[in-house]
Amino acid sequence: MEPVVTLLDTAAEYSIVGGELAVALEADLISIGEPDIFYDTRLGRFLCSVRSLRVVIDADDGEDLELDGITVLVCKQWLGPFTLGMRAALEHICFAIEPATNPESESRIFFAIGG
């Protein structure tokens, strides 16, 4: 599968995937036996199924970061981007943001396995 631009949202409780991406990932989304839940967001209230998904964060330098079995909410009516939230995703990794220091430099995000 092609890389997917992802929103890292430290204020989001859960990771969420929807729309065409949810359909494309259907074979990779593993049921974890949890009941469907309603998820309230700034974009509205959504009925979501709770699934597990393997996510790889591609590295520009160094090694890619592989996250096996993060919990995601699958909401086919979600119109927002694929979002990595805190619970069962960002809370398990270390990350830091290095802002650009001048117009010629780029901002960078660093990732590592937590613990």
C-alpha atoms as a PDB file:
ATOM      1  CA  MET A   1       0.000   0.000   0.000  1.00  0.00           C
ATOM      2  CA  GLU A   2       1.141   3.534  -0.736  1.00  0.00           C
ATOM      3  CA  PRO A   3       2.124   5.759   2.211  1.00  0.00           C
ATOM      4  CA  VAL A   4      -0.759   7.666   3.787  1.00  0.00           C
ATOM      5  CA  VAL A   5      -0.432  11.186   5.153  1.00  0.00           C
ATOM      6  CA  THR A   6      -1.425  10.935   8.795  1.00  0.00           C
ATOM      7  CA  LEU A   7      -2.450  13.470  11.412  1.00  0.00           C
ATOM      8  CA  LEU A   8      -0.629  13.039  14.741  1.00  0.00           C
ATOM      9  CA  ASP A   9      -3.153  14.338  17.259  1.00  0.00           C
ATOM     10  CA  THR A  10      -2.052  14.330  20.882  1.00  0.00           C
ATOM     11  CA  ALA A  11      -5.498  15.626  21.865  1.00  0.00           C
ATOM     12  CA  ALA A  12      -7.323  12.721  20.172  1.00  0.00           C
ATOM     13  CA  GLU A  13      -8.153   9.895  22.532  1.00  0.00           C
ATOM     14  CA  TYR A  14      -8.226   7.286  19.758  1.00  0.00           C
ATOM     15  CA  SER A  15      -6.754   6.676  16.328  1.00  0.00           C
ATOM     16  CA  ILE A  16      -9.403   6.826  13.627  1.00  0.00           C
ATOM     17  CA  VAL A  17      -9.632   5.730  10.009  1.00  0.00           C
ATOM     18  CA  GLY A  18     -12.528   6.294   7.663  1.00  0.00           C
ATOM     19  CA  GLY A  19     -13.784   6.729   4.135  1.00  0.00           C
ATOM     20  CA  GLU A  20     -11.939   5.153   1.216  1.00  0.00           C
ATOM     21  CA  LEU A  21      -8.940   4.327   3.397  1.00  0.00           C
ATOM     22  CA  ALA A  22     -11.123   2.234   5.733  1.00  0.00           C
ATOM     23  CA  VAL A  23     -12.393   0.302   2.720  1.00  0.00           C
ATOM     24  CA  ALA A  24      -8.849  -0.167   1.339  1.00  0.00           C
ATOM     25  CA  LEU A  25      -7.566  -1.420   4.720  1.00  0.00           C
ATOM     26  CA  GLU A  26     -10.501  -3.743   5.405  1.00  0.00           C
ATOM     27  CA  ALA A  27      -8.435  -6.937   5.002  1.00  0.00           C
ATOM     28  CA  ASP A  28      -5.767  -5.585   7.407  1.00  0.00           C
ATOM     29  CA  LEU A  29      -8.170  -4.498  10.155  1.00  0.00           C
ATOM     30  CA  ILE A  30      -8.418  -7.217  12.814  1.00  0.00           C
ATOM     31  CA  SER A  31     -11.426  -7.499  15.108  1.00  0.00           C
ATOM     32  CA  ILE A  32     -10.476  -7.481  18.777  1.00  0.00           C
ATOM     33  CA  GLY A  33     -13.896  -8.509  20.080  1.00  0.00           C
ATOM     34  CA  GLU A  34     -14.919  -5.083  21.364  1.00  0.00           C
ATOM     35  CA  PRO A  35     -18.449  -3.765  20.766  1.00  0.00           C
ATOM     36  CA  ASP A  36     -19.016  -0.826  18.411  1.00  0.00           C
ATOM     37  CA  ILE A  37     -18.853   2.575  20.118  1.00  0.00           C
ATOM     38  CA  PHE A  38     -20.019   6.112  19.451  1.00  0.00           C
ATOM     39  CA  TYR A  39     -17.117   8.554  19.118  1.00  0.00           C
ATOM     40  CA  ASP A  40     -17.730  12.272  19.549  1.00  0.00           C
ATOM     41  CA  THR A  41     -15.413  14.610  17.623  1.00  0.00           C
ATOM     42  CA  ARG A  42     -15.426  18.228  16.502  1.00  0.00           C
ATOM     43  CA  LEU A  43     -16.756  16.867  13.185  1.00  0.00           C
ATOM     44  CA  GLY A  44     -19.731  15.155  14.830  1.00  0.00           C
ATOM     45  CA  ARG A  45     -20.701  11.834  16.409  1.00  0.00           C
ATOM     46  CA  PHE A  46     -19.741   8.596  14.652  1.00  0.00           C
ATOM     47  CA  LEU A  47     -20.569   4.927  15.169  1.00  0.00           C
ATOM     48  CA  CYS A  48     -17.243   3.109  14.961  1.00  0.00           C
ATOM     49  CA  SER A  49     -15.992  -0.442  15.104  1.00  0.00           C
ATOM     50  CA  VAL A  50     -12.894  -1.124  17.234  1.00  0.00           C
ATOM     51  CA  ARG A  51     -10.116  -2.878  15.338  1.00  0.00           C
ATOM     52  CA  SER A  52      -6.393  -3.581  15.491  1.00  0.00           C
ATOM     53  CA  LEU A  53      -3.996  -2.426  12.757  1.00  0.00           C
ATOM     54  CA  ARG A  54      -0.271  -2.636  12.019  1.00  0.00           C
ATOM     55  CA  VAL A  55       1.135   0.819  11.235  1.00  0.00           C
ATOM     56  CA  VAL A  56       4.588   1.652   9.877  1.00  0.00           C
ATOM     57  CA  ILE A  57       5.945   5.186  10.207  1.00  0.00           C
ATOM     58  CA  ASP A  58       8.383   5.691   7.338  1.00  0.00           C
ATOM     59  CA  ALA A  59      11.706   7.231   8.312  1.00  0.00           C
ATOM     60  CA  ASP A  60      13.536   9.728   6.135  1.00  0.00           C
ATOM     61  CA  ASP A  61      16.683   8.884   8.116  1.00  0.00           C
ATOM     62  CA  GLY A  62      17.297   5.802  10.235  1.00  0.00           C
ATOM     63  CA  GLU A  63      14.870   2.890  10.592  1.00  0.00           C
ATOM     64  CA  ASP A  64      11.123   2.826  10.027  1.00  0.00           C
ATOM     65  CA  LEU A  65       9.026   2.526  13.195  1.00  0.00           C
ATOM     66  CA  GLU A  66       6.675  -0.470  13.194  1.00  0.00           C
ATOM     67  CA  LEU A  67       3.662  -0.382  15.500  1.00  0.00           C
ATOM     68  CA  ASP A  68       1.994  -3.787  15.694  1.00  0.00           C
ATOM     69  CA  GLY A  69      -1.587  -4.022  16.838  1.00  0.00           C
ATOM     70  CA  ILE A  70      -2.536  -0.428  17.563  1.00  0.00           C
ATOM     71  CA  THR A  71      -6.215   0.049  18.314  1.00  0.00           C
ATOM     72  CA  VAL A  72      -8.080   2.116  15.729  1.00  0.00           C
ATOM     73  CA  LEU A  73     -11.676   3.184  15.380  1.00  0.00           C
ATOM     74  CA  VAL A  74     -13.056   2.417  11.940  1.00  0.00           C
ATOM     75  CA  CYS A  75     -15.772   4.868  10.917  1.00  0.00           C
ATOM     76  CA  LYS A  76     -16.622   4.660   7.235  1.00  0.00           C
ATOM     77  CA  GLN A  77     -18.500   7.968   7.425  1.00  0.00           C
ATOM     78  CA  TRP A  78     -15.410   9.773   8.894  1.00  0.00           C
ATOM     79  CA  LEU A  79     -14.313  12.479   6.450  1.00  0.00           C
ATOM     80  CA  GLY A  80     -11.231  13.616   8.345  1.00  0.00           C
ATOM     81  CA  PRO A  81      -7.699  12.290   7.767  1.00  0.00           C
ATOM     82  CA  PHE A  82      -6.277   9.069   9.195  1.00  0.00           C
ATOM     83  CA  THR A  83      -5.472  10.176  12.723  1.00  0.00           C
ATOM     84  CA  LEU A  84      -3.046   8.653  15.210  1.00  0.00           C
ATOM     85  CA  GLY A  85      -4.346   9.431  18.693  1.00  0.00           C
ATOM     86  CA  MET A  86      -2.958   8.826  22.157  1.00  0.00           C
ATOM     87  CA  ARG A  87      -4.682   5.631  23.364  1.00  0.00           C
ATOM     88  CA  ALA A  88      -2.981   2.458  22.106  1.00  0.00           C
ATOM     89  CA  ALA A  89      -0.825   4.390  19.619  1.00  0.00           C
ATOM     90  CA  LEU A  90       1.107   7.563  20.503  1.00  0.00           C
ATOM     91  CA  GLU A  91       1.211   6.668  24.213  1.00  0.00           C
ATOM     92  CA  HIS A  92       3.512   3.741  23.321  1.00  0.00           C
ATOM     93  CA  ILE A  93       6.152   5.686  21.413  1.00  0.00           C
ATOM     94  CA  CYS A  94       8.580   8.508  22.129  1.00  0.00           C
ATOM     95  CA  PHE A  95       8.437  11.430  19.758  1.00  0.00           C
ATOM     96  CA  ALA A  96       9.885  14.907  19.554  1.00  0.00           C
ATOM     97  CA  ILE A  97       9.374  17.828  17.206  1.00  0.00           C
ATOM     98  CA  GLU A  98      12.298  19.913  15.987  1.00  0.00           C
ATOM     99  CA  PRO A  99      10.979  23.150  14.509  1.00  0.00           C
ATOM    100  CA  ALA A 100      12.617  24.799  11.528  1.00  0.00           C
ATOM    101  CA  THR A 101      15.189  27.341  12.707  1.00  0.00           C
ATOM    102  CA  ASN A 102      15.265  29.392   9.513  1.00  0.00           C
ATOM    103  CA  PRO A 103      13.440  29.565   6.155  1.00  0.00           C
ATOM    104  CA  GLU A 104      15.932  27.176   4.518  1.00  0.00           C
ATOM    105  CA  SER A 105      15.594  24.401   7.127  1.00  0.00           C
ATOM    106  CA  GLU A 106      12.787  21.873   7.554  1.00  0.00           C
ATOM    107  CA  SER A 107      10.878  20.859  10.648  1.00  0.00           C
ATOM    108  CA  ARG A 108      11.420  17.254  11.706  1.00  0.00           C
ATOM    109  CA  ILE A 109       9.579  14.739  13.872  1.00  0.00           C
ATOM    110  CA  PHE A 110      11.628  12.063  15.638  1.00  0.00           C
ATOM    111  CA  PHE A 111      10.135   8.693  16.675  1.00  0.00           C
ATOM    112  CA  ALA A 112      11.298   5.751  18.766  1.00  0.00           C
ATOM    113  CA  ILE A 113       9.722   2.820  20.569  1.00  0.00           C
ATOM    114  CA  GLY A 114       8.802   3.857  24.117  1.00  0.00           C
ATOM    115  CA  GLY A 115       9.844   2.114  27.282  1.00  0.00           C
END
